């Protein structure tokens, strides 16, 4: 008998995948992904060929010994006889199919991961960023995966790279406006990636369970410049906050003096506010200085 698992390589007998890549249009968020109901179960068991039937009865002892095989859990088997699809078998354990002209193609239905290494992409603003991602997928229609696509794993991987490049290019690395950004809206970006990839791999019988960004950073050639830009923006925002706070503290001080009955002239108010603003906004320790007439 033969032992079949989902990681046995299958033969090069399927149709070639066309080299042309379809244009990726992002589907709306929330679009349902492929489910188990989308699989094609139109072929389950067909009658063996006449040659296989004749050989089965003519060589009955050999047939009885060599026709049994084992299917592992989370594995389905596409069975061909003399190049003709005769069965799609998914019950784990011992199974029987005449061995004459038989070809068994196992497909794992367990969840699989595809690691996309670092690639350089220009974001929405034209800045080069380095991004990597991880795709999690499940084969829910083994017949499509084996017969319609030559190598479904490589097919999904290539389509995922295309989707990653095109989706990342639609968003800026970071944004101060309401526009979604790669850095701040990871959940939305991941959803966009998964739904877009699902539309491209439907023909391979694959369900995309997740498509997540892994590494995300500016490209090395502009990393130092962008870090200085971020530091400058942070400093400006901090200074703005300090000035707004200094104005409020100074005005409160003058108002409390007047409420306490302290007579303060307009000239003294201006001088007090000026000195308090200088003390609060200064980036160094304050050194009191007294003028002695």
C-alpha atoms as a PDB file:
ATOM      1  CA  UNK A   1       0.000   0.000   0.000  1.00  0.00           C
ATOM      2  CA  UNK A   2       0.966   3.656  -0.305  1.00  0.00           C
ATOM      3  CA  UNK A   3       1.087   6.316   2.379  1.00  0.00           C
ATOM      4  CA  UNK A   4      -0.306   9.668   1.286  1.00  0.00           C
ATOM      5  CA  UNK A   5       0.283  12.955   3.100  1.00  0.00           C
ATOM      6  CA  UNK A   6      -0.355  16.551   2.158  1.00  0.00           C
ATOM      7  CA  UNK A   7       3.298  17.410   1.563  1.00  0.00           C
ATOM      8  CA  UNK A   8       4.096  14.841  -1.167  1.00  0.00           C
ATOM      9  CA  UNK A   9       5.027  16.755  -4.376  1.00  0.00           C
ATOM     10  CA  UNK A  10       2.557  16.313  -7.197  1.00  0.00           C
ATOM     11  CA  UNK A  11       3.434  15.801 -10.834  1.00  0.00           C
ATOM     12  CA  UNK A  12       3.616  18.446 -13.472  1.00  0.00           C
ATOM     13  CA  UNK A  13       0.357  17.552 -15.166  1.00  0.00           C
ATOM     14  CA  UNK A  14      -1.840  20.577 -14.739  1.00  0.00           C
ATOM     15  CA  UNK A  15      -2.499  23.429 -17.093  1.00  0.00           C
ATOM     16  CA  UNK A  16       0.007  26.261 -17.244  1.00  0.00           C
ATOM     17  CA  UNK A  17      -0.998  29.476 -15.513  1.00  0.00           C
ATOM     18  CA  UNK A  18      -1.195  32.430 -17.829  1.00  0.00           C
ATOM     19  CA  UNK A  19       1.612  34.952 -17.311  1.00  0.00           C
ATOM     20  CA  UNK A  20      -0.674  37.938 -17.573  1.00  0.00           C
ATOM     21  CA  UNK A  21      -1.534  39.519 -14.221  1.00  0.00           C
ATOM     22  CA  UNK A  22      -5.004  41.043 -13.806  1.00  0.00           C
ATOM     23  CA  UNK A  23      -5.352  44.613 -12.681  1.00  0.00           C
ATOM     24  CA  UNK A  24      -5.886  44.815  -8.924  1.00  0.00           C
ATOM     25  CA  UNK A  25      -8.898  46.884  -7.898  1.00  0.00           C
ATOM     26  CA  UNK A  26      -9.348  47.022  -4.157  1.00  0.00           C
ATOM     27  CA  UNK A  27     -12.707  45.584  -3.111  1.00  0.00           C
ATOM     28  CA  UNK A  28     -14.616  47.392  -0.389  1.00  0.00           C
ATOM     29  CA  UNK A  29     -13.778  46.641   3.215  1.00  0.00           C
ATOM     30  CA  UNK A  30     -15.881  43.918   4.770  1.00  0.00           C
ATOM     31  CA  UNK A  31     -16.273  41.906   1.566  1.00  0.00           C
ATOM     32  CA  UNK A  32     -16.619  38.232   2.576  1.00  0.00           C
ATOM     33  CA  UNK A  33     -13.698  35.981   1.729  1.00  0.00           C
ATOM     34  CA  UNK A  34     -13.961  32.585   0.058  1.00  0.00           C
ATOM     35  CA  UNK A  35     -15.774  29.986   2.160  1.00  0.00           C
ATOM     36  CA  UNK A  36     -16.086  26.228   2.060  1.00  0.00           C
ATOM     37  CA  UNK A  37     -19.383  26.643   0.199  1.00  0.00           C
ATOM     38  CA  UNK A  38     -17.452  28.021  -2.804  1.00  0.00           C
ATOM     39  CA  UNK A  39     -15.644  24.746  -3.528  1.00  0.00           C
ATOM     40  CA  UNK A  40     -16.555  22.752  -6.607  1.00  0.00           C
ATOM     41  CA  UNK A  41     -17.840  19.323  -5.577  1.00  0.00           C
ATOM     42  CA  UNK A  42     -19.162  18.418  -9.003  1.00  0.00           C
ATOM     43  CA  UNK A  43     -16.675  15.503  -9.277  1.00  0.00           C
ATOM     44  CA  UNK A  44     -16.519  12.968  -6.477  1.00  0.00           C
ATOM     45  CA  UNK A  45     -16.356   9.444  -7.929  1.00  0.00           C
ATOM     46  CA  UNK A  46     -16.331   8.376 -11.572  1.00  0.00           C
ATOM     47  CA  UNK A  47     -16.338   4.956 -13.135  1.00  0.00           C
ATOM     48  CA  UNK A  48     -12.799   3.582 -13.647  1.00  0.00           C
ATOM     49  CA  UNK A  49     -11.613   3.270 -17.222  1.00  0.00           C
ATOM     50  CA  UNK A  50     -12.237   0.052 -19.146  1.00  0.00           C
ATOM     51  CA  UNK A  51      -8.517  -0.786 -19.175  1.00  0.00           C
ATOM     52  CA  UNK A  52      -8.291  -0.402 -15.395  1.00  0.00           C
ATOM     53  CA  UNK A  53     -11.389  -2.552 -14.915  1.00  0.00           C
ATOM     54  CA  UNK A  54     -10.050  -5.347 -17.139  1.00  0.00           C
ATOM     55  CA  UNK A  55      -6.644  -5.335 -15.416  1.00  0.00           C
ATOM     56  CA  UNK A  56      -8.306  -5.280 -12.006  1.00  0.00           C
ATOM     57  CA  UNK A  57     -10.159  -8.565 -12.642  1.00  0.00           C
ATOM     58  CA  UNK A  58      -7.404 -10.155 -14.697  1.00  0.00           C
ATOM     59  CA  UNK A  59      -4.793  -9.561 -12.006  1.00  0.00           C
ATOM     60  CA  UNK A  60      -7.067  -9.758  -8.995  1.00  0.00           C
ATOM     61  CA  UNK A  61      -4.454 -10.861  -6.407  1.00  0.00           C
ATOM     62  CA  UNK A  62      -2.059  -8.060  -7.377  1.00  0.00           C
ATOM     63  CA  UNK A  63      -4.914  -5.584  -7.445  1.00  0.00           C
ATOM     64  CA  UNK A  64      -6.027  -6.552  -3.959  1.00  0.00           C
ATOM     65  CA  UNK A  65      -2.538  -6.081  -2.529  1.00  0.00           C
ATOM     66  CA  UNK A  66      -1.407  -2.917  -4.323  1.00  0.00           C
ATOM     67  CA  UNK A  67      -4.606  -0.889  -4.499  1.00  0.00           C
ATOM     68  CA  UNK A  68      -4.883   0.050  -0.825  1.00  0.00           C
ATOM     69  CA  UNK A  69      -3.421   3.350   0.431  1.00  0.00           C
ATOM     70  CA  UNK A  70      -3.644   5.604   3.494  1.00  0.00           C
ATOM     71  CA  UNK A  71      -4.859   9.199   3.559  1.00  0.00           C
ATOM     72  CA  UNK A  72      -3.682  11.329   6.472  1.00  0.00           C
ATOM     73  CA  UNK A  73      -5.891  13.739   8.400  1.00  0.00           C
ATOM     74  CA  UNK A  74      -6.252  17.193   6.864  1.00  0.00           C
ATOM     75  CA  UNK A  75      -5.390  15.742   3.453  1.00  0.00           C
ATOM     76  CA  UNK A  76      -7.455  15.191   0.330  1.00  0.00           C
ATOM     77  CA  UNK A  77      -6.402  13.107  -2.655  1.00  0.00           C
ATOM     78  CA  UNK A  78      -7.131  13.779  -6.302  1.00  0.00           C
ATOM     79  CA  UNK A  79      -7.089  10.404  -8.105  1.00  0.00           C
ATOM     80  CA  UNK A  80      -6.386  10.033 -11.818  1.00  0.00           C
ATOM     81  CA  UNK A  81      -6.433   6.873 -13.942  1.00  0.00           C
ATOM     82  CA  UNK A  82      -4.655   7.098 -17.246  1.00  0.00           C
ATOM     83  CA  UNK A  83      -4.885  10.890 -17.051  1.00  0.00           C
ATOM     84  CA  UNK A  84      -8.625  10.899 -16.323  1.00  0.00           C
ATOM     85  CA  UNK A  85     -10.059  12.310 -13.098  1.00  0.00           C
ATOM     86  CA  UNK A  86     -11.929   9.496 -11.343  1.00  0.00           C
ATOM     87  CA  UNK A  87     -12.156  10.448  -7.672  1.00  0.00           C
ATOM     88  CA  UNK A  88     -11.695  13.184  -5.095  1.00  0.00           C
ATOM     89  CA  UNK A  89     -11.074  11.387  -1.799  1.00  0.00           C
ATOM     90  CA  UNK A  90     -11.022  13.078   1.609  1.00  0.00           C
ATOM     91  CA  UNK A  91     -11.798  10.359   4.172  1.00  0.00           C
ATOM     92  CA  UNK A  92      -8.692   9.757   6.343  1.00  0.00           C
ATOM     93  CA  UNK A  93      -7.528   6.186   6.821  1.00  0.00           C
ATOM     94  CA  UNK A  94      -7.385   3.229   4.440  1.00  0.00           C
ATOM     95  CA  UNK A  95      -8.858   3.759   0.972  1.00  0.00           C
ATOM     96  CA  UNK A  96      -9.116   1.527  -2.077  1.00  0.00           C
ATOM     97  CA  UNK A  97      -8.717   2.402  -5.750  1.00  0.00           C
ATOM     98  CA  UNK A  98      -7.443   0.015  -8.448  1.00  0.00           C
ATOM     99  CA  UNK A  99      -3.735   0.551  -8.879  1.00  0.00           C
ATOM    100  CA  UNK A 100      -3.655   0.164 -12.662  1.00  0.00           C
ATOM    101  CA  UNK A 101      -2.892   3.518 -14.329  1.00  0.00           C
ATOM    102  CA  UNK A 102      -3.510   5.219 -11.019  1.00  0.00           C
ATOM    103  CA  UNK A 103      -1.990   8.546 -10.029  1.00  0.00           C
ATOM    104  CA  UNK A 104      -2.654   9.925  -6.541  1.00  0.00           C
ATOM    105  CA  UNK A 105      -2.124  13.660  -5.960  1.00  0.00           C
ATOM    106  CA  UNK A 106      -2.328  14.627  -2.271  1.00  0.00           C
ATOM    107  CA  UNK A 107      -3.287  18.143  -1.208  1.00  0.00           C
ATOM    108  CA  UNK A 108      -3.040  19.406   2.360  1.00  0.00           C
ATOM    109  CA  UNK A 109      -6.153  21.182   3.624  1.00  0.00           C
ATOM    110  CA  UNK A 110      -4.400  22.407   6.776  1.00  0.00           C
ATOM    111  CA  UNK A 111      -3.685  26.111   7.089  1.00  0.00           C
ATOM    112  CA  UNK A 112      -0.444  27.151   5.381  1.00  0.00           C
ATOM    113  CA  UNK A 113       1.733  30.248   5.762  1.00  0.00           C
ATOM    114  CA  UNK A 114       3.628  32.121   3.082  1.00  0.00           C
ATOM    115  CA  UNK A 115       6.377  34.488   4.177  1.00  0.00           C
ATOM    116  CA  UNK A 116       6.958  37.413   1.814  1.00  0.00           C
ATOM    117  CA  UNK A 117      10.498  38.781   2.323  1.00  0.00           C
ATOM    118  CA  UNK A 118      11.396  42.464   2.390  1.00  0.00           C
ATOM    119  CA  UNK A 119      10.551  44.354  -0.796  1.00  0.00           C
ATOM    120  CA  UNK A 120      11.036  48.025  -1.589  1.00  0.00           C
ATOM    121  CA  UNK A 121       7.886  49.928  -2.603  1.00  0.00           C
ATOM    122  CA  UNK A 122       7.116  53.610  -3.151  1.00  0.00           C
ATOM    123  CA  UNK A 123       4.280  54.737  -0.896  1.00  0.00           C
ATOM    124  CA  UNK A 124       1.502  57.185  -1.802  1.00  0.00           C
ATOM    125  CA  UNK A 125       3.857  60.170  -1.381  1.00  0.00           C
ATOM    126  CA  UNK A 126       6.606  58.579  -3.443  1.00  0.00           C
ATOM    127  CA  UNK A 127       8.820  57.760  -0.458  1.00  0.00           C
ATOM    128  CA  UNK A 128      10.563  54.362  -0.708  1.00  0.00           C
ATOM    129  CA  UNK A 129       9.572  52.016   2.112  1.00  0.00           C
ATOM    130  CA  UNK A 130      10.683  48.480   2.936  1.00  0.00           C
ATOM    131  CA  UNK A 131       7.818  46.131   3.735  1.00  0.00           C
ATOM    132  CA  UNK A 132       7.339  42.412   4.353  1.00  0.00           C
ATOM    133  CA  UNK A 133       4.200  40.396   5.059  1.00  0.00           C
ATOM    134  CA  UNK A 134       2.804  36.994   6.022  1.00  0.00           C
ATOM    135  CA  UNK A 135      -0.075  35.274   4.197  1.00  0.00           C
ATOM    136  CA  UNK A 136      -2.159  32.543   5.821  1.00  0.00           C
ATOM    137  CA  UNK A 137      -4.235  30.435   3.465  1.00  0.00           C
ATOM    138  CA  UNK A 138      -6.243  27.208   3.333  1.00  0.00           C
ATOM    139  CA  UNK A 139      -6.983  24.985   0.331  1.00  0.00           C
ATOM    140  CA  UNK A 140     -10.742  24.424   0.261  1.00  0.00           C
ATOM    141  CA  UNK A 141     -11.051  23.117  -3.309  1.00  0.00           C
ATOM    142  CA  UNK A 142      -8.179  20.666  -3.987  1.00  0.00           C
ATOM    143  CA  UNK A 143      -9.443  19.851  -7.492  1.00  0.00           C
ATOM    144  CA  UNK A 144      -8.983  23.465  -8.571  1.00  0.00           C
ATOM    145  CA  UNK A 145      -5.636  23.747  -6.793  1.00  0.00           C
ATOM    146  CA  UNK A 146      -4.223  20.674  -8.579  1.00  0.00           C
ATOM    147  CA  UNK A 147      -5.852  20.667 -12.014  1.00  0.00           C
ATOM    148  CA  UNK A 148      -6.400  24.356 -12.756  1.00  0.00           C
ATOM    149  CA  UNK A 149      -3.071  25.674 -11.408  1.00  0.00           C
ATOM    150  CA  UNK A 150       0.370  24.162 -12.017  1.00  0.00           C
ATOM    151  CA  UNK A 151       1.824  25.139  -8.606  1.00  0.00           C
ATOM    152  CA  UNK A 152      -0.793  26.701  -6.338  1.00  0.00           C
ATOM    153  CA  UNK A 153       1.718  27.651  -3.611  1.00  0.00           C
ATOM    154  CA  UNK A 154       3.922  29.604  -6.013  1.00  0.00           C
ATOM    155  CA  UNK A 155       0.835  31.031  -7.705  1.00  0.00           C
ATOM    156  CA  UNK A 156      -0.503  32.457  -4.437  1.00  0.00           C
ATOM    157  CA  UNK A 157       2.940  33.740  -3.466  1.00  0.00           C
ATOM    158  CA  UNK A 158       3.403  35.664  -6.739  1.00  0.00           C
ATOM    159  CA  UNK A 159      -0.088  37.121  -6.563  1.00  0.00           C
ATOM    160  CA  UNK A 160       0.533  38.176  -2.941  1.00  0.00           C
ATOM    161  CA  UNK A 161       3.674  40.087  -3.963  1.00  0.00           C
ATOM    162  CA  UNK A 162       1.692  41.901  -6.670  1.00  0.00           C
ATOM    163  CA  UNK A 163      -1.080  42.813  -4.210  1.00  0.00           C
ATOM    164  CA  UNK A 164       1.418  43.952  -1.565  1.00  0.00           C
ATOM    165  CA  UNK A 165       3.122  46.332  -3.992  1.00  0.00           C
ATOM    166  CA  UNK A 166      -0.108  47.808  -5.331  1.00  0.00           C
ATOM    167  CA  UNK A 167      -1.883  48.222  -1.981  1.00  0.00           C
ATOM    168  CA  UNK A 168       1.126  49.766  -0.201  1.00  0.00           C
ATOM    169  CA  UNK A 169       1.435  52.280  -3.045  1.00  0.00           C
ATOM    170  CA  UNK A 170      -2.093  53.544  -2.277  1.00  0.00           C
ATOM    171  CA  UNK A 171      -1.260  54.743   1.260  1.00  0.00           C
ATOM    172  CA  UNK A 172       1.321  57.133   2.747  1.00  0.00           C
ATOM    173  CA  UNK A 173       3.727  55.828   5.359  1.00  0.00           C
ATOM    174  CA  UNK A 174       2.292  58.307   7.856  1.00  0.00           C
ATOM    175  CA  UNK A 175      -0.238  61.099   7.568  1.00  0.00           C
ATOM    176  CA  UNK A 176      -1.404  64.030   9.691  1.00  0.00           C
ATOM    177  CA  UNK A 177      -4.703  64.245   7.793  1.00  0.00           C
ATOM    178  CA  UNK A 178      -7.719  61.950   7.761  1.00  0.00           C
ATOM    179  CA  UNK A 179      -6.098  59.827   5.043  1.00  0.00           C
ATOM    180  CA  UNK A 180      -5.352  56.252   6.120  1.00  0.00           C
ATOM    181  CA  UNK A 181      -1.642  55.552   6.617  1.00  0.00           C
ATOM    182  CA  UNK A 182       0.481  52.406   6.687  1.00  0.00           C
ATOM    183  CA  UNK A 183       1.815  53.190  10.135  1.00  0.00           C
ATOM    184  CA  UNK A 184      -1.405  54.106  11.932  1.00  0.00           C
ATOM    185  CA  UNK A 185      -4.099  52.002  10.247  1.00  0.00           C
ATOM    186  CA  UNK A 186      -2.653  48.489  10.158  1.00  0.00           C
ATOM    187  CA  UNK A 187      -6.039  46.756  10.613  1.00  0.00           C
ATOM    188  CA  UNK A 188      -7.569  48.521   7.605  1.00  0.00           C
ATOM    189  CA  UNK A 189      -4.507  47.860   5.474  1.00  0.00           C
ATOM    190  CA  UNK A 190      -4.501  44.149   6.375  1.00  0.00           C
ATOM    191  CA  UNK A 191      -8.186  43.859   5.474  1.00  0.00           C
ATOM    192  CA  UNK A 192      -7.555  45.573   2.152  1.00  0.00           C
ATOM    193  CA  UNK A 193      -4.662  43.199   1.407  1.00  0.00           C
ATOM    194  CA  UNK A 194      -6.651  40.056   2.239  1.00  0.00           C
ATOM    195  CA  UNK A 195      -9.792  40.948   0.278  1.00  0.00           C
ATOM    196  CA  UNK A 196      -7.790  42.031  -2.758  1.00  0.00           C
ATOM    197  CA  UNK A 197      -5.671  38.863  -2.796  1.00  0.00           C
ATOM    198  CA  UNK A 198      -8.765  36.663  -2.414  1.00  0.00           C
ATOM    199  CA  UNK A 199     -10.178  37.924  -5.713  1.00  0.00           C
ATOM    200  CA  UNK A 200      -6.982  36.900  -7.517  1.00  0.00           C
ATOM    201  CA  UNK A 201      -6.573  33.385  -6.070  1.00  0.00           C
ATOM    202  CA  UNK A 202     -10.216  32.302  -6.329  1.00  0.00           C
ATOM    203  CA  UNK A 203      -9.336  30.156  -9.346  1.00  0.00           C
ATOM    204  CA  UNK A 204      -6.795  28.196  -7.295  1.00  0.00           C
ATOM    205  CA  UNK A 205      -9.361  26.987  -4.745  1.00  0.00           C
ATOM    206  CA  UNK A 206      -7.611  28.902  -1.943  1.00  0.00           C
ATOM    207  CA  UNK A 207      -9.142  30.796   0.959  1.00  0.00           C
ATOM    208  CA  UNK A 208      -7.069  33.694   2.293  1.00  0.00           C
ATOM    209  CA  UNK A 209      -7.415  33.590   6.073  1.00  0.00           C
ATOM    210  CA  UNK A 210      -5.125  36.559   6.770  1.00  0.00           C
ATOM    211  CA  UNK A 211      -2.678  38.874   5.033  1.00  0.00           C
ATOM    212  CA  UNK A 212      -0.681  40.857   7.577  1.00  0.00           C
ATOM    213  CA  UNK A 213       2.126  43.379   7.290  1.00  0.00           C
ATOM    214  CA  UNK A 214       5.187  42.179   9.193  1.00  0.00           C
ATOM    215  CA  UNK A 215       8.057  44.677   8.818  1.00  0.00           C
ATOM    216  CA  UNK A 216       7.512  48.293   7.821  1.00  0.00           C
ATOM    217  CA  UNK A 217      10.177  51.009   7.659  1.00  0.00           C
ATOM    218  CA  UNK A 218      11.616  53.701   5.438  1.00  0.00           C
ATOM    219  CA  UNK A 219      14.231  52.564   2.929  1.00  0.00           C
ATOM    220  CA  UNK A 220      17.830  53.009   4.187  1.00  0.00           C
ATOM    221  CA  UNK A 221      18.625  55.789   1.702  1.00  0.00           C
ATOM    222  CA  UNK A 222      16.032  58.136   3.207  1.00  0.00           C
ATOM    223  CA  UNK A 223      15.756  56.753   6.742  1.00  0.00           C
ATOM    224  CA  UNK A 224      18.044  59.401   8.314  1.00  0.00           C
ATOM    225  CA  UNK A 225      16.300  62.247   6.518  1.00  0.00           C
ATOM    226  CA  UNK A 226      12.843  61.057   7.548  1.00  0.00           C
ATOM    227  CA  UNK A 227      13.983  60.587  11.158  1.00  0.00           C
ATOM    228  CA  UNK A 228      15.186  64.190  11.249  1.00  0.00           C
ATOM    229  CA  UNK A 229      11.886  65.285   9.732  1.00  0.00           C
ATOM    230  CA  UNK A 230       9.962  63.390  12.414  1.00  0.00           C
ATOM    231  CA  UNK A 231      12.171  64.897  15.143  1.00  0.00           C
ATOM    232  CA  UNK A 232      11.584  68.405  13.760  1.00  0.00           C
ATOM    233  CA  UNK A 233       7.821  67.862  13.614  1.00  0.00           C
ATOM    234  CA  UNK A 234       7.817  66.570  17.187  1.00  0.00           C
ATOM    235  CA  UNK A 235       9.834  69.591  18.364  1.00  0.00           C
ATOM    236  CA  UNK A 236       7.453  72.022  16.658  1.00  0.00           C
ATOM    237  CA  UNK A 237       4.430  70.360  18.241  1.00  0.00           C
ATOM    238  CA  UNK A 238       6.123  70.385  21.653  1.00  0.00           C
ATOM    239  CA  UNK A 239       7.042  74.079  21.370  1.00  0.00           C
ATOM    240  CA  UNK A 240       3.511  74.932  20.313  1.00  0.00           C
ATOM    241  CA  UNK A 241       2.134  73.167  23.371  1.00  0.00           C
ATOM    242  CA  UNK A 242       4.644  74.943  25.644  1.00  0.00           C
ATOM    243  CA  UNK A 243       3.724  78.398  24.282  1.00  0.00           C
ATOM    244  CA  UNK A 244      -0.017  77.732  24.607  1.00  0.00           C
ATOM    245  CA  UNK A 245       0.501  76.591  28.181  1.00  0.00           C
ATOM    246  CA  UNK A 246       2.737  79.586  29.007  1.00  0.00           C
ATOM    247  CA  UNK A 247       0.104  82.035  27.777  1.00  0.00           C
ATOM    248  CA  UNK A 248      -2.550  80.371  29.901  1.00  0.00           C
ATOM    249  CA  UNK A 249      -0.359  80.330  33.035  1.00  0.00           C
ATOM    250  CA  UNK A 250       0.633  84.000  32.617  1.00  0.00           C
ATOM    251  CA  UNK A 251      -2.956  85.168  32.108  1.00  0.00           C
ATOM    252  CA  UNK A 252      -4.113  83.139  35.129  1.00  0.00           C
ATOM    253  CA  UNK A 253      -1.379  84.685  37.268  1.00  0.00           C
ATOM    254  CA  UNK A 254      -2.418  88.231  36.365  1.00  0.00           C
ATOM    255  CA  UNK A 255      -6.111  87.429  36.933  1.00  0.00           C
ATOM    256  CA  UNK A 256      -5.399  85.909  40.383  1.00  0.00           C
ATOM    257  CA  UNK A 257      -3.379  88.970  41.424  1.00  0.00           C
ATOM    258  CA  UNK A 258      -6.269  91.264  40.522  1.00  0.00           C
ATOM    259  CA  UNK A 259      -8.771  89.008  42.324  1.00  0.00           C
ATOM    260  CA  UNK A 260      -6.569  89.147  45.450  1.00  0.00           C
ATOM    261  CA  UNK A 261      -6.758  92.960  45.486  1.00  0.00           C
ATOM    262  CA  UNK A 262      -3.186  93.598  44.393  1.00  0.00           C
ATOM    263  CA  UNK A 263      -2.978  96.791  42.380  1.00  0.00           C
ATOM    264  CA  UNK A 264      -1.159  96.051  39.139  1.00  0.00           C
ATOM    265  CA  UNK A 265      -0.703  98.657  36.430  1.00  0.00           C
ATOM    266  CA  UNK A 266      -0.884  97.864  32.748  1.00  0.00           C
ATOM    267  CA  UNK A 267       2.866  98.340  32.451  1.00  0.00           C
ATOM    268  CA  UNK A 268       3.490  95.933  35.338  1.00  0.00           C
ATOM    269  CA  UNK A 269       1.097  93.411  33.822  1.00  0.00           C
ATOM    270  CA  UNK A 270       3.007  93.461  30.533  1.00  0.00           C
ATOM    271  CA  UNK A 271       6.327  93.116  32.311  1.00  0.00           C
ATOM    272  CA  UNK A 272       5.030  90.224  34.447  1.00  0.00           C
ATOM    273  CA  UNK A 273       3.629  88.349  31.459  1.00  0.00           C
ATOM    274  CA  UNK A 274       6.867  88.878  29.492  1.00  0.00           C
ATOM    275  CA  UNK A 275       9.016  87.527  32.293  1.00  0.00           C
ATOM    276  CA  UNK A 276       6.757  84.544  32.944  1.00  0.00           C
ATOM    277  CA  UNK A 277       6.669  83.669  29.238  1.00  0.00           C
ATOM    278  CA  UNK A 278      10.476  83.807  29.113  1.00  0.00           C
ATOM    279  CA  UNK A 279      10.795  81.591  32.191  1.00  0.00           C
ATOM    280  CA  UNK A 280       8.243  78.989  31.069  1.00  0.00           C
ATOM    281  CA  UNK A 281       9.363  78.804  27.423  1.00  0.00           C
ATOM    282  CA  UNK A 282      13.063  78.698  28.206  1.00  0.00           C
ATOM    283  CA  UNK A 283      14.785  75.413  27.498  1.00  0.00           C
ATOM    284  CA  UNK A 284      17.339  75.982  30.249  1.00  0.00           C
ATOM    285  CA  UNK A 285      17.214  76.445  34.012  1.00  0.00           C
ATOM    286  CA  UNK A 286      16.113  79.914  35.070  1.00  0.00           C
ATOM    287  CA  UNK A 287      18.679  82.203  36.819  1.00  0.00           C
ATOM    288  CA  UNK A 288      16.913  84.981  38.760  1.00  0.00           C
ATOM    289  CA  UNK A 289      18.451  88.439  38.173  1.00  0.00           C
ATOM    290  CA  UNK A 290      17.633  91.450  40.384  1.00  0.00           C
ATOM    291  CA  UNK A 291      18.290  95.030  39.356  1.00  0.00           C
ATOM    292  CA  UNK A 292      19.736  97.103  42.241  1.00  0.00           C
ATOM    293  CA  UNK A 293      19.390 100.856  41.824  1.00  0.00           C
END
